[in-house]
Amino acid sequence: MTAQLKALEAPVLKEAVEGVLYVHNLIDPAHGVVWPYPYAAAGDNVEFTVQTSTGNTWVGLIALTQASVGKPVTFSIPKETFAKGLVLDATAKLQYSVTSASGNQAHSADLVVQLKP
């Protein structure tokens, strides 16, 4: 990964349908996916963050290995992250950052999904 890499593609929430996560239908856990990104290398740390409008935060960290470079990275996000304190019109913002072994960091675009009970 190089310092010129500015914004990474937004992550995907596999269970979201057209930008909406139906929390009551969710089988624990949800799955956040980071697609392969340019200049990926073994030793990169991928940190995935979920923040809900109801005050919940979840963070996951995966270090890439030689075997995982060039493949999607999947994070298992506990249902509770979305369900706790769920109210009408709630949203969740999902994003990730990549830190290379040399310390360069890049951030993804945000994915915002509506949370429906």
PDB file of N, CA and C in Angstrom:
ATOM      1  N   MET A   1       0.849  -1.176   0.000  1.00  0.00           N
ATOM      2  CA  MET A   1       0.000   0.000   0.000  1.00  0.00           C
ATOM      3  C   MET A   1       0.892   1.235   0.000  1.00  0.00           C
ATOM      4  N   THR A   2       0.508   2.237  -0.766  1.00  0.00           N
ATOM      5  CA  THR A   2       1.322   3.435  -0.834  1.00  0.00           C
ATOM      6  C   THR A   2       0.593   4.611  -0.204  1.00  0.00           C
ATOM      7  N   ALA A   3       1.346   5.646   0.080  1.00  0.00           N
ATOM      8  CA  ALA A   3       0.774   6.848   0.698  1.00  0.00           C
ATOM      9  C   ALA A   3      -0.201   7.541  -0.251  1.00  0.00           C
ATOM     10  N   GLN A   4      -0.060   7.290  -1.580  1.00  0.00           N
ATOM     11  CA  GLN A   4      -0.947   7.934  -2.541  1.00  0.00           C
ATOM     12  C   GLN A   4      -2.370   7.367  -2.496  1.00  0.00           C
ATOM     13  N   LEU A   5      -2.541   6.213  -1.900  1.00  0.00           N
ATOM     14  CA  LEU A   5      -3.859   5.600  -1.819  1.00  0.00           C
ATOM     15  C   LEU A   5      -4.685   6.389  -0.817  1.00  0.00           C
ATOM     16  N   LYS A   6      -5.722   7.070  -1.284  1.00  0.00           N
ATOM     17  CA  LYS A   6      -6.460   7.972  -0.407  1.00  0.00           C
ATOM     18  C   LYS A   6      -7.710   7.327   0.158  1.00  0.00           C
ATOM     19  N   ALA A   7      -8.730   7.153  -0.675  1.00  0.00           N
ATOM     20  CA  ALA A   7      -9.986   6.597  -0.174  1.00  0.00           C
ATOM     21  C   ALA A   7     -10.191   5.210  -0.761  1.00  0.00           C
ATOM     22  N   LEU A   8     -10.500   4.288   0.104  1.00  0.00           N
ATOM     23  CA  LEU A   8     -10.780   2.926  -0.312  1.00  0.00           C
ATOM     24  C   LEU A   8     -12.275   2.784  -0.550  1.00  0.00           C
ATOM     25  N   GLU A   9     -12.634   1.760  -1.309  1.00  0.00           N
ATOM     26  CA  GLU A   9     -14.039   1.456  -1.582  1.00  0.00           C
ATOM     27  C   GLU A   9     -14.779   1.189  -0.272  1.00  0.00           C
ATOM     28  N   ALA A  10     -16.025   1.602  -0.200  1.00  0.00           N
ATOM     29  CA  ALA A  10     -16.830   1.366   1.001  1.00  0.00           C
ATOM     30  C   ALA A  10     -16.998  -0.139   1.237  1.00  0.00           C
ATOM     31  N   PRO A  11     -17.146  -0.542   2.497  1.00  0.00           N
ATOM     32  CA  PRO A  11     -17.387  -1.965   2.772  1.00  0.00           C
ATOM     33  C   PRO A  11     -18.803  -2.359   2.363  1.00  0.00           C
ATOM     34  N   VAL A  12     -19.087  -3.640   2.474  1.00  0.00           N
ATOM     35  CA  VAL A  12     -20.405  -4.185   2.165  1.00  0.00           C
ATOM     36  C   VAL A  12     -20.932  -4.868   3.413  1.00  0.00           C
ATOM     37  N   LEU A  13     -22.211  -4.723   3.679  1.00  0.00           N
ATOM     38  CA  LEU A  13     -22.875  -5.485   4.734  1.00  0.00           C
ATOM     39  C   LEU A  13     -23.740  -6.511   4.021  1.00  0.00           C
ATOM     40  N   LYS A  14     -23.318  -7.781   4.065  1.00  0.00           N
ATOM     41  CA  LYS A  14     -23.948  -8.823   3.255  1.00  0.00           C
ATOM     42  C   LYS A  14     -25.448  -8.940   3.491  1.00  0.00           C
ATOM     43  N   GLU A  15     -25.895  -8.706   4.714  1.00  0.00           N
ATOM     44  CA  GLU A  15     -27.307  -8.903   5.036  1.00  0.00           C
ATOM     45  C   GLU A  15     -28.192  -7.701   4.713  1.00  0.00           C
ATOM     46  N   ALA A  16     -27.602  -6.579   4.336  1.00  0.00           N
ATOM     47  CA  ALA A  16     -28.398  -5.393   3.995  1.00  0.00           C
ATOM     48  C   ALA A  16     -29.030  -5.576   2.619  1.00  0.00           C
ATOM     49  N   VAL A  17     -30.274  -5.135   2.498  1.00  0.00           N
ATOM     50  CA  VAL A  17     -31.004  -5.211   1.242  1.00  0.00           C
ATOM     51  C   VAL A  17     -31.328  -3.783   0.810  1.00  0.00           C
ATOM     52  N   GLU A  18     -30.737  -3.351  -0.316  1.00  0.00           N
ATOM     53  CA  GLU A  18     -30.954  -2.006  -0.835  1.00  0.00           C
ATOM     54  C   GLU A  18     -30.765  -0.941   0.242  1.00  0.00           C
ATOM     55  N   GLY A  19     -29.689  -1.066   1.017  1.00  0.00           N
ATOM     56  CA  GLY A  19     -29.349  -0.069   2.021  1.00  0.00           C
ATOM     57  C   GLY A  19     -30.100  -0.176   3.336  1.00  0.00           C
ATOM     58  N   VAL A  20     -30.835  -1.280   3.528  1.00  0.00           N
ATOM     59  CA  VAL A  20     -31.611  -1.473   4.753  1.00  0.00           C
ATOM     60  C   VAL A  20     -31.231  -2.808   5.395  1.00  0.00           C
ATOM     61  N   LEU A  21     -31.002  -2.778   6.707  1.00  0.00           N
ATOM     62  CA  LEU A  21     -30.771  -4.007   7.468  1.00  0.00           C
ATOM     63  C   LEU A  21     -32.015  -4.255   8.326  1.00  0.00           C
ATOM     64  N   TYR A  22     -32.685  -5.362   8.045  1.00  0.00           N
ATOM     65  CA  TYR A  22     -33.865  -5.745   8.828  1.00  0.00           C
ATOM     66  C   TYR A  22     -33.360  -6.550  10.023  1.00  0.00           C
ATOM     67  N   VAL A  23     -33.197  -5.873  11.147  1.00  0.00           N
ATOM     68  CA  VAL A  23     -32.528  -6.442  12.313  1.00  0.00           C
ATOM     69  C   VAL A  23     -33.263  -7.676  12.836  1.00  0.00           C
ATOM     70  N   HIS A  24     -34.596  -7.678  12.821  1.00  0.00           N
ATOM     71  CA  HIS A  24     -35.345  -8.822  13.344  1.00  0.00           C
ATOM     72  C   HIS A  24     -35.110 -10.086  12.515  1.00  0.00           C
ATOM     73  N   ASN A  25     -34.746  -9.922  11.235  1.00  0.00           N
ATOM     74  CA  ASN A  25     -34.471 -11.072  10.367  1.00  0.00           C
ATOM     75  C   ASN A  25     -33.025 -11.551  10.461  1.00  0.00           C
ATOM     76  N   LEU A  26     -32.196 -10.788  11.137  1.00  0.00           N
ATOM     77  CA  LEU A  26     -30.759 -11.065  11.150  1.00  0.00           C
ATOM     78  C   LEU A  26     -30.433 -12.285  11.994  1.00  0.00           C
ATOM     79  N   ILE A  27     -29.740 -13.210  11.365  1.00  0.00           N
ATOM     80  CA  ILE A  27     -29.205 -14.359  12.101  1.00  0.00           C
ATOM     81  C   ILE A  27     -27.806 -13.952  12.538  1.00  0.00           C
ATOM     82  N   ASP A  28     -27.544 -14.051  13.840  1.00  0.00           N
ATOM     83  CA  ASP A  28     -26.276 -13.606  14.418  1.00  0.00           C
ATOM     84  C   ASP A  28     -25.121 -14.443  13.879  1.00  0.00           C
ATOM     85  N   PRO A  29     -24.042 -13.870  13.434  1.00  0.00           N
ATOM     86  CA  PRO A  29     -23.709 -12.456  13.301  1.00  0.00           C
ATOM     87  C   PRO A  29     -24.022 -11.935  11.895  1.00  0.00           C
ATOM     88  N   ALA A  30     -23.883 -10.609  11.732  1.00  0.00           N
ATOM     89  CA  ALA A  30     -23.908  -9.989  10.404  1.00  0.00           C
ATOM     90  C   ALA A  30     -22.487 -10.067   9.843  1.00  0.00           C
ATOM     91  N   HIS A  31     -22.357  -9.839   8.549  1.00  0.00           N
ATOM     92  CA  HIS A  31     -21.050  -9.988   7.909  1.00  0.00           C
ATOM     93  C   HIS A  31     -20.663  -8.731   7.140  1.00  0.00           C
ATOM     94  N   GLY A  32     -19.636  -8.065   7.628  1.00  0.00           N
ATOM     95  CA  GLY A  32     -19.062  -6.918   6.937  1.00  0.00           C
ATOM     96  C   GLY A  32     -17.937  -7.410   6.047  1.00  0.00           C
ATOM     97  N   VAL A  33     -17.952  -6.987   4.790  1.00  0.00           N
ATOM     98  CA  VAL A  33     -16.963  -7.478   3.828  1.00  0.00           C
ATOM     99  C   VAL A  33     -16.137  -6.320   3.282  1.00  0.00           C
ATOM    100  N   VAL A  34     -14.825  -6.517   3.300  1.00  0.00           N
ATOM    101  CA  VAL A  34     -13.877  -5.596   2.680  1.00  0.00           C
ATOM    102  C   VAL A  34     -13.354  -6.301   1.436  1.00  0.00           C
ATOM    103  N   TRP A  35     -13.623  -5.706   0.276  1.00  0.00           N
ATOM    104  CA  TRP A  35     -13.154  -6.302  -0.977  1.00  0.00           C
ATOM    105  C   TRP A  35     -11.657  -6.069  -1.119  1.00  0.00           C
ATOM    106  N   PRO A  36     -10.983  -6.896  -1.920  1.00  0.00           N
ATOM    107  CA  PRO A  36      -9.544  -6.689  -2.117  1.00  0.00           C
ATOM    108  C   PRO A  36      -9.277  -5.250  -2.575  1.00  0.00           C
ATOM    109  N   TYR A  37      -8.214  -4.678  -2.058  1.00  0.00           N
ATOM    110  CA  TYR A  37      -7.881  -3.287  -2.343  1.00  0.00           C
ATOM    111  C   TYR A  37      -6.487  -3.209  -2.966  1.00  0.00           C
ATOM    112  N   PRO A  38      -6.196  -2.109  -3.670  1.00  0.00           N
ATOM    113  CA  PRO A  38      -4.894  -1.969  -4.327  1.00  0.00           C
ATOM    114  C   PRO A  38      -3.740  -2.013  -3.316  1.00  0.00           C
ATOM    115  N   TYR A  39      -2.652  -2.612  -3.723  1.00  0.00           N
ATOM    116  CA  TYR A  39      -1.404  -2.650  -2.946  1.00  0.00           C
ATOM    117  C   TYR A  39      -1.521  -3.445  -1.642  1.00  0.00           C
ATOM    118  N   ALA A  40      -2.514  -4.318  -1.539  1.00  0.00           N
ATOM    119  CA  ALA A  40      -2.635  -5.149  -0.334  1.00  0.00           C
ATOM    120  C   ALA A  40      -1.378  -6.001  -0.176  1.00  0.00           C
ATOM    121  N   ALA A  41      -0.972  -6.195   1.079  1.00  0.00           N
ATOM    122  CA  ALA A  41       0.227  -6.987   1.352  1.00  0.00           C
ATOM    123  C   ALA A  41       0.072  -7.709   2.683  1.00  0.00           C
ATOM    124  N   ALA A  42       0.725  -8.847   2.784  1.00  0.00           N
ATOM    125  CA  ALA A  42       0.729  -9.571   4.052  1.00  0.00           C
ATOM    126  C   ALA A  42       1.262  -8.640   5.131  1.00  0.00           C
ATOM    127  N   GLY A  43       0.626  -8.653   6.289  1.00  0.00           N
ATOM    128  CA  GLY A  43       1.016  -7.786   7.387  1.00  0.00           C
ATOM    129  C   GLY A  43       0.159  -6.539   7.507  1.00  0.00           C
ATOM    130  N   ASP A  44      -0.650  -6.229   6.462  1.00  0.00           N
ATOM    131  CA  ASP A  44      -1.572  -5.104   6.566  1.00  0.00           C
ATOM    132  C   ASP A  44      -2.592  -5.400   7.665  1.00  0.00           C
ATOM    133  N   ASN A  45      -2.929  -4.389   8.445  1.00  0.00           N
ATOM    134  CA  ASN A  45      -3.989  -4.511   9.452  1.00  0.00           C
ATOM    135  C   ASN A  45      -5.240  -3.819   8.921  1.00  0.00           C
ATOM    136  N   VAL A  46      -6.336  -4.578   8.874  1.00  0.00           N
ATOM    137  CA  VAL A  46      -7.617  -4.042   8.419  1.00  0.00           C
ATOM    138  C   VAL A  46      -8.507  -3.903   9.651  1.00  0.00           C
ATOM    139  N   GLU A  47      -8.888  -2.668   9.970  1.00  0.00           N
ATOM    140  CA  GLU A  47      -9.727  -2.394  11.129  1.00  0.00           C
ATOM    141  C   GLU A  47     -11.103  -1.955  10.644  1.00  0.00           C
ATOM    142  N   PHE A  48     -12.123  -2.691  11.051  1.00  0.00           N
ATOM    143  CA  PHE A  48     -13.505  -2.469  10.617  1.00  0.00           C
ATOM    144  C   PHE A  48     -14.274  -1.864  11.783  1.00  0.00           C
ATOM    145  N   THR A  49     -15.010  -0.779  11.524  1.00  0.00           N
ATOM    146  CA  THR A  49     -15.744  -0.092  12.586  1.00  0.00           C
ATOM    147  C   THR A  49     -17.214   0.053  12.207  1.00  0.00           C
ATOM    148  N   VAL A  50     -18.084  -0.229  13.177  1.00  0.00           N
ATOM    149  CA  VAL A  50     -19.521   0.000  13.026  1.00  0.00           C
ATOM    150  C   VAL A  50     -19.939   0.961  14.126  1.00  0.00           C
ATOM    151  N   GLN A  51     -20.629   2.038  13.737  1.00  0.00           N
ATOM    152  CA  GLN A  51     -21.178   2.984  14.702  1.00  0.00           C
ATOM    153  C   GLN A  51     -22.648   3.181  14.364  1.00  0.00           C
ATOM    154  N   THR A  52     -23.517   3.001  15.371  1.00  0.00           N
ATOM    155  CA  THR A  52     -24.937   3.193  15.131  1.00  0.00           C
ATOM    156  C   THR A  52     -25.386   4.544  15.669  1.00  0.00           C
ATOM    157  N   SER A  53     -26.484   5.019  15.134  1.00  0.00           N
ATOM    158  CA  SER A  53     -27.027   6.298  15.595  1.00  0.00           C
ATOM    159  C   SER A  53     -27.596   6.177  17.005  1.00  0.00           C
ATOM    160  N   THR A  54     -27.696   4.939  17.513  1.00  0.00           N
ATOM    161  CA  THR A  54     -28.190   4.717  18.875  1.00  0.00           C
ATOM    162  C   THR A  54     -27.053   4.561  19.883  1.00  0.00           C
ATOM    163  N   GLY A  55     -25.810   4.850  19.443  1.00  0.00           N
ATOM    164  CA  GLY A  55     -24.689   4.882  20.374  1.00  0.00           C
ATOM    165  C   GLY A  55     -23.886   3.608  20.519  1.00  0.00           C
ATOM    166  N   ASN A  56     -24.143   2.626  19.673  1.00  0.00           N
ATOM    167  CA  ASN A  56     -23.372   1.379  19.743  1.00  0.00           C
ATOM    168  C   ASN A  56     -22.158   1.461  18.820  1.00  0.00           C
ATOM    169  N   THR A  57     -21.053   0.901  19.281  1.00  0.00           N
ATOM    170  CA  THR A  57     -19.836   0.840  18.470  1.00  0.00           C
ATOM    171  C   THR A  57     -19.248  -0.554  18.557  1.00  0.00           C
ATOM    172  N   TRP A  58     -18.776  -1.055  17.417  1.00  0.00           N
ATOM    173  CA  TRP A  58     -18.085  -2.336  17.362  1.00  0.00           C
ATOM    174  C   TRP A  58     -16.866  -2.159  16.473  1.00  0.00           C
ATOM    175  N   VAL A  59     -15.730  -2.724  16.897  1.00  0.00           N
ATOM    176  CA  VAL A  59     -14.499  -2.650  16.122  1.00  0.00           C
ATOM    177  C   VAL A  59     -13.894  -4.045  16.014  1.00  0.00           C
ATOM    178  N   GLY A  60     -13.497  -4.412  14.806  1.00  0.00           N
ATOM    179  CA  GLY A  60     -12.817  -5.681  14.569  1.00  0.00           C
ATOM    180  C   GLY A  60     -11.509  -5.431  13.850  1.00  0.00           C
ATOM    181  N   LEU A  61     -10.522  -6.288  14.073  1.00  0.00           N
ATOM    182  CA  LEU A  61      -9.205  -6.132  13.454  1.00  0.00           C
ATOM    183  C   LEU A  61      -8.745  -7.471  12.904  1.00  0.00           C
ATOM    184  N   ILE A  62      -8.324  -7.453  11.650  1.00  0.00           N
ATOM    185  CA  ILE A  62      -7.779  -8.658  11.014  1.00  0.00           C
ATOM    186  C   ILE A  62      -6.472  -8.273  10.327  1.00  0.00           C
ATOM    187  N   ALA A  63      -5.436  -9.056  10.549  1.00  0.00           N
ATOM    188  CA  ALA A  63      -4.162  -8.867   9.861  1.00  0.00           C
ATOM    189  C   ALA A  63      -4.131  -9.771   8.635  1.00  0.00           C
ATOM    190  N   LEU A  64      -3.791  -9.198   7.492  1.00  0.00           N
ATOM    191  CA  LEU A  64      -3.709 -10.001   6.276  1.00  0.00           C
ATOM    192  C   LEU A  64      -2.508 -10.941   6.346  1.00  0.00           C
ATOM    193  N   THR A  65      -2.709 -12.129   5.830  1.00  0.00           N
ATOM    194  CA  THR A  65      -1.624 -13.100   5.677  1.00  0.00           C
ATOM    195  C   THR A  65      -1.354 -13.254   4.184  1.00  0.00           C
ATOM    196  N   GLN A  66      -0.292 -13.918   3.845  1.00  0.00           N
ATOM    197  CA  GLN A  66       0.014 -14.152   2.428  1.00  0.00           C
ATOM    198  C   GLN A  66      -1.157 -14.848   1.746  1.00  0.00           C
ATOM    199  N   ALA A  67      -1.808 -15.773   2.459  1.00  0.00           N
ATOM    200  CA  ALA A  67      -2.929 -16.528   1.887  1.00  0.00           C
ATOM    201  C   ALA A  67      -4.183 -15.679   1.710  1.00  0.00           C
ATOM    202  N   SER A  68      -4.325 -14.611   2.498  1.00  0.00           N
ATOM    203  CA  SER A  68      -5.553 -13.813   2.416  1.00  0.00           C
ATOM    204  C   SER A  68      -5.435 -12.585   1.512  1.00  0.00           C
ATOM    205  N   VAL A  69      -4.225 -12.255   1.061  1.00  0.00           N
ATOM    206  CA  VAL A  69      -4.037 -11.116   0.157  1.00  0.00           C
ATOM    207  C   VAL A  69      -4.780 -11.393  -1.150  1.00  0.00           C
ATOM    208  N   GLY A  70      -5.543 -10.404  -1.610  1.00  0.00           N
ATOM    209  CA  GLY A  70      -6.271 -10.550  -2.869  1.00  0.00           C
ATOM    210  C   GLY A  70      -7.629 -11.210  -2.722  1.00  0.00           C
ATOM    211  N   LYS A  71      -8.020 -11.517  -1.487  1.00  0.00           N
ATOM    212  CA  LYS A  71      -9.319 -12.137  -1.226  1.00  0.00           C
ATOM    213  C   LYS A  71     -10.143 -11.209  -0.340  1.00  0.00           C
ATOM    214  N   PRO A  72     -11.486 -11.319  -0.410  1.00  0.00           N
ATOM    215  CA  PRO A  72     -12.308 -10.505   0.492  1.00  0.00           C
ATOM    216  C   PRO A  72     -12.002 -10.845   1.954  1.00  0.00           C
ATOM    217  N   VAL A  73     -12.059  -9.822   2.815  1.00  0.00           N
ATOM    218  CA  VAL A  73     -11.875 -10.013   4.254  1.00  0.00           C
ATOM    219  C   VAL A  73     -13.256  -9.845   4.887  1.00  0.00           C
ATOM    220  N   THR A  74     -13.692 -10.859   5.644  1.00  0.00           N
ATOM    221  CA  THR A  74     -15.031 -10.832   6.227  1.00  0.00           C
ATOM    222  C   THR A  74     -14.951 -10.707   7.744  1.00  0.00           C
ATOM    223  N   PHE A  75     -15.718  -9.764   8.269  1.00  0.00           N
ATOM    224  CA  PHE A  75     -15.806  -9.529   9.709  1.00  0.00           C
ATOM    225  C   PHE A  75     -17.175  -9.998  10.198  1.00  0.00           C
ATOM    226  N   SER A  76     -17.195 -10.708  11.315  1.00  0.00           N
ATOM    227  CA  SER A  76     -18.444 -11.157  11.933  1.00  0.00           C
ATOM    228  C   SER A  76     -18.865 -10.127  12.974  1.00  0.00           C
ATOM    229  N   ILE A  77     -19.969  -9.443  12.697  1.00  0.00           N
ATOM    230  CA  ILE A  77     -20.438  -8.348  13.548  1.00  0.00           C
ATOM    231  C   ILE A  77     -21.608  -8.845  14.382  1.00  0.00           C
ATOM    232  N   PRO A  78     -21.505  -8.836  15.705  1.00  0.00           N
ATOM    233  CA  PRO A  78     -22.594  -9.338  16.547  1.00  0.00           C
ATOM    234  C   PRO A  78     -23.909  -8.592  16.289  1.00  0.00           C
ATOM    235  N   LYS A  79     -25.001  -9.347  16.225  1.00  0.00           N
ATOM    236  CA  LYS A  79     -26.328  -8.767  16.015  1.00  0.00           C
ATOM    237  C   LYS A  79     -26.623  -7.680  17.044  1.00  0.00           C
ATOM    238  N   GLU A  80     -26.149  -7.874  18.256  1.00  0.00           N
ATOM    239  CA  GLU A  80     -26.388  -6.927  19.347  1.00  0.00           C
ATOM    240  C   GLU A  80     -25.917  -5.511  18.984  1.00  0.00           C
ATOM    241  N   THR A  81     -24.880  -5.419  18.151  1.00  0.00           N
ATOM    242  CA  THR A  81     -24.378  -4.118  17.728  1.00  0.00           C
ATOM    243  C   THR A  81     -25.485  -3.302  17.070  1.00  0.00           C
ATOM    244  N   PHE A  82     -26.325  -3.953  16.296  1.00  0.00           N
ATOM    245  CA  PHE A  82     -27.417  -3.280  15.594  1.00  0.00           C
ATOM    246  C   PHE A  82     -28.707  -3.256  16.416  1.00  0.00           C
ATOM    247  N   ALA A  83     -28.925  -4.288  17.237  1.00  0.00           N
ATOM    248  CA  ALA A  83     -30.207  -4.472  17.924  1.00  0.00           C
ATOM    249  C   ALA A  83     -30.333  -3.679  19.219  1.00  0.00           C
ATOM    250  N   LYS A  84     -29.236  -3.473  19.933  1.00  0.00           N
ATOM    251  CA  LYS A  84     -29.302  -2.824  21.245  1.00  0.00           C
ATOM    252  C   LYS A  84     -29.800  -1.385  21.113  1.00  0.00           C
ATOM    253  N   GLY A  85     -30.904  -1.088  21.789  1.00  0.00           N
ATOM    254  CA  GLY A  85     -31.456   0.260  21.786  1.00  0.00           C
ATOM    255  C   GLY A  85     -32.075   0.680  20.464  1.00  0.00           C
ATOM    256  N   LEU A  86     -32.402  -0.287  19.606  1.00  0.00           N
ATOM    257  CA  LEU A  86     -32.914   0.016  18.269  1.00  0.00           C
ATOM    258  C   LEU A  86     -34.192   0.846  18.331  1.00  0.00           C
ATOM    259  N   VAL A  87     -34.216   1.919  17.553  1.00  0.00           N
ATOM    260  CA  VAL A  87     -35.388   2.795  17.457  1.00  0.00           C
ATOM    261  C   VAL A  87     -35.707   3.000  15.978  1.00  0.00           C
ATOM    262  N   LEU A  88     -36.897   3.532  15.693  1.00  0.00           N
ATOM    263  CA  LEU A  88     -37.258   3.856  14.320  1.00  0.00           C
ATOM    264  C   LEU A  88     -36.266   4.873  13.761  1.00  0.00           C
ATOM    265  N   ASP A  89     -35.982   4.766  12.491  1.00  0.00           N
ATOM    266  CA  ASP A  89     -35.086   5.679  11.781  1.00  0.00           C
ATOM    267  C   ASP A  89     -33.627   5.607  12.243  1.00  0.00           C
ATOM    268  N   ALA A  90     -33.237   4.523  12.899  1.00  0.00           N
ATOM    269  CA  ALA A  90     -31.839   4.349  13.292  1.00  0.00           C
ATOM    270  C   ALA A  90     -30.998   4.030  12.056  1.00  0.00           C
ATOM    271  N   THR A  91     -29.716   4.363  12.131  1.00  0.00           N
ATOM    272  CA  THR A  91     -28.785   4.060  11.050  1.00  0.00           C
ATOM    273  C   THR A  91     -27.502   3.472  11.632  1.00  0.00           C
ATOM    274  N   ALA A  92     -26.737   2.860  10.763  1.00  0.00           N
ATOM    275  CA  ALA A  92     -25.409   2.374  11.138  1.00  0.00           C
ATOM    276  C   ALA A  92     -24.425   2.820  10.067  1.00  0.00           C
ATOM    277  N   LYS A  93     -23.262   3.300  10.518  1.00  0.00           N
ATOM    278  CA  LYS A  93     -22.192   3.699   9.608  1.00  0.00           C
ATOM    279  C   LYS A  93     -21.088   2.652   9.721  1.00  0.00           C
ATOM    280  N   LEU A  94     -20.713   2.079   8.586  1.00  0.00           N
ATOM    281  CA  LEU A  94     -19.663   1.075   8.543  1.00  0.00           C
ATOM    282  C   LEU A  94     -18.506   1.623   7.716  1.00  0.00           C
ATOM    283  N   GLN A  95     -17.301   1.411   8.219  1.00  0.00           N
ATOM    284  CA  GLN A  95     -16.109   1.862   7.508  1.00  0.00           C
ATOM    285  C   GLN A  95     -14.934   1.001   7.941  1.00  0.00           C
ATOM    286  N   TYR A  96     -13.852   1.107   7.201  1.00  0.00           N
ATOM    287  CA  TYR A  96     -12.639   0.398   7.606  1.00  0.00           C
ATOM    288  C   TYR A  96     -11.424   1.231   7.258  1.00  0.00           C
ATOM    289  N   SER A  97     -10.336   0.899   7.908  1.00  0.00           N
ATOM    290  CA  SER A  97      -9.060   1.525   7.582  1.00  0.00           C
ATOM    291  C   SER A  97      -8.031   0.419   7.417  1.00  0.00           C
ATOM    292  N   VAL A  98      -7.033   0.712   6.628  1.00  0.00           N
ATOM    293  CA  VAL A  98      -5.940  -0.235   6.390  1.00  0.00           C
ATOM    294  C   VAL A  98      -4.644   0.442   6.807  1.00  0.00           C
ATOM    295  N   THR A  99      -3.877  -0.243   7.642  1.00  0.00           N
ATOM    296  CA  THR A  99      -2.565   0.251   8.043  1.00  0.00           C
ATOM    297  C   THR A  99      -1.527  -0.747   7.545  1.00  0.00           C
ATOM    298  N   SER A 100      -0.600  -0.255   6.735  1.00  0.00           N
ATOM    299  CA  SER A 100       0.437  -1.132   6.189  1.00  0.00           C
ATOM    300  C   SER A 100       1.545  -1.328   7.216  1.00  0.00           C
ATOM    301  N   ALA A 101       2.409  -2.294   6.944  1.00  0.00           N
ATOM    302  CA  ALA A 101       3.533  -2.569   7.839  1.00  0.00           C
ATOM    303  C   ALA A 101       4.438  -1.344   7.981  1.00  0.00           C
ATOM    304  N   SER A 102       4.477  -0.509   6.941  1.00  0.00           N
ATOM    305  CA  SER A 102       5.327   0.688   6.999  1.00  0.00           C
ATOM    306  C   SER A 102       4.633   1.859   7.701  1.00  0.00           C
ATOM    307  N   GLY A 103       3.372   1.667   8.113  1.00  0.00           N
ATOM    308  CA  GLY A 103       2.665   2.700   8.855  1.00  0.00           C
ATOM    309  C   GLY A 103       1.755   3.580   8.025  1.00  0.00           C
ATOM    310  N   ASN A 104       1.739   3.394   6.696  1.00  0.00           N
ATOM    311  CA  ASN A 104       0.809   4.161   5.864  1.00  0.00           C
ATOM    312  C   ASN A 104      -0.613   3.738   6.186  1.00  0.00           C
ATOM    313  N   GLN A 105      -1.518   4.704   6.161  1.00  0.00           N
ATOM    314  CA  GLN A 105      -2.907   4.387   6.493  1.00  0.00           C
ATOM    315  C   GLN A 105      -3.841   4.947   5.428  1.00  0.00           C
ATOM    316  N   ALA A 106      -4.877   4.179   5.115  1.00  0.00           N
ATOM    317  CA  ALA A 106      -5.913   4.618   4.180  1.00  0.00           C
ATOM    318  C   ALA A 106      -7.261   4.281   4.796  1.00  0.00           C
ATOM    319  N   HIS A 107      -8.267   5.118   4.496  1.00  0.00           N
ATOM    320  CA  HIS A 107      -9.598   4.933   5.052  1.00  0.00           C
ATOM    321  C   HIS A 107     -10.598   4.705   3.926  1.00  0.00           C
ATOM    322  N   SER A 108     -11.617   3.929   4.233  1.00  0.00           N
ATOM    323  CA  SER A 108     -12.642   3.661   3.236  1.00  0.00           C
ATOM    324  C   SER A 108     -13.687   4.761   3.218  1.00  0.00           C
ATOM    325  N   ALA A 109     -14.447   4.765   2.149  1.00  0.00           N
ATOM    326  CA  ALA A 109     -15.676   5.555   2.117  1.00  0.00           C
ATOM    327  C   ALA A 109     -16.629   4.896   3.117  1.00  0.00           C
ATOM    328  N   ASP A 110     -17.605   5.660   3.599  1.00  0.00           N
ATOM    329  CA  ASP A 110     -18.575   5.132   4.557  1.00  0.00           C
ATOM    330  C   ASP A 110     -19.699   4.400   3.847  1.00  0.00           C
ATOM    331  N   LEU A 111     -20.184   3.361   4.488  1.00  0.00           N
ATOM    332  CA  LEU A 111     -21.437   2.720   4.100  1.00  0.00           C
ATOM    333  C   LEU A 111     -22.425   3.036   5.193  1.00  0.00           C
ATOM    334  N   VAL A 112     -23.535   3.672   4.856  1.00  0.00           N
ATOM    335  CA  VAL A 112     -24.573   3.964   5.839  1.00  0.00           C
ATOM    336  C   VAL A 112     -25.803   3.145   5.481  1.00  0.00           C
ATOM    337  N   VAL A 113     -26.275   2.359   6.443  1.00  0.00           N
ATOM    338  CA  VAL A 113     -27.476   1.561   6.227  1.00  0.00           C
ATOM    339  C   VAL A 113     -28.547   1.967   7.232  1.00  0.00           C
ATOM    340  N   GLN A 114     -29.792   1.883   6.794  1.00  0.00           N
ATOM    341  CA  GLN A 114     -30.910   2.116   7.690  1.00  0.00           C
ATOM    342  C   GLN A 114     -31.147   0.839   8.488  1.00  0.00           C
ATOM    343  N   LEU A 115     -31.475   0.984   9.752  1.00  0.00           N
ATOM    344  CA  LEU A 115     -31.782  -0.159  10.610  1.00  0.00           C
ATOM    345  C   LEU A 115     -33.282  -0.197  10.832  1.00  0.00           C
ATOM    346  N   LYS A 116     -33.905  -1.308  10.456  1.00  0.00           N
ATOM    347  CA  LYS A 116     -35.341  -1.483  10.659  1.00  0.00           C
ATOM    348  C   LYS A 116     -35.568  -2.598  11.682  1.00  0.00           C
ATOM    349  N   PRO A 117     -36.488  -2.367  12.621  1.00  0.00           N
ATOM    350  CA  PRO A 117     -36.778  -3.407  13.628  1.00  0.00           C
ATOM    351  C   PRO A 117     -37.277  -4.690  12.987  1.00  0.00           C
TER     352      PRO A 117
END
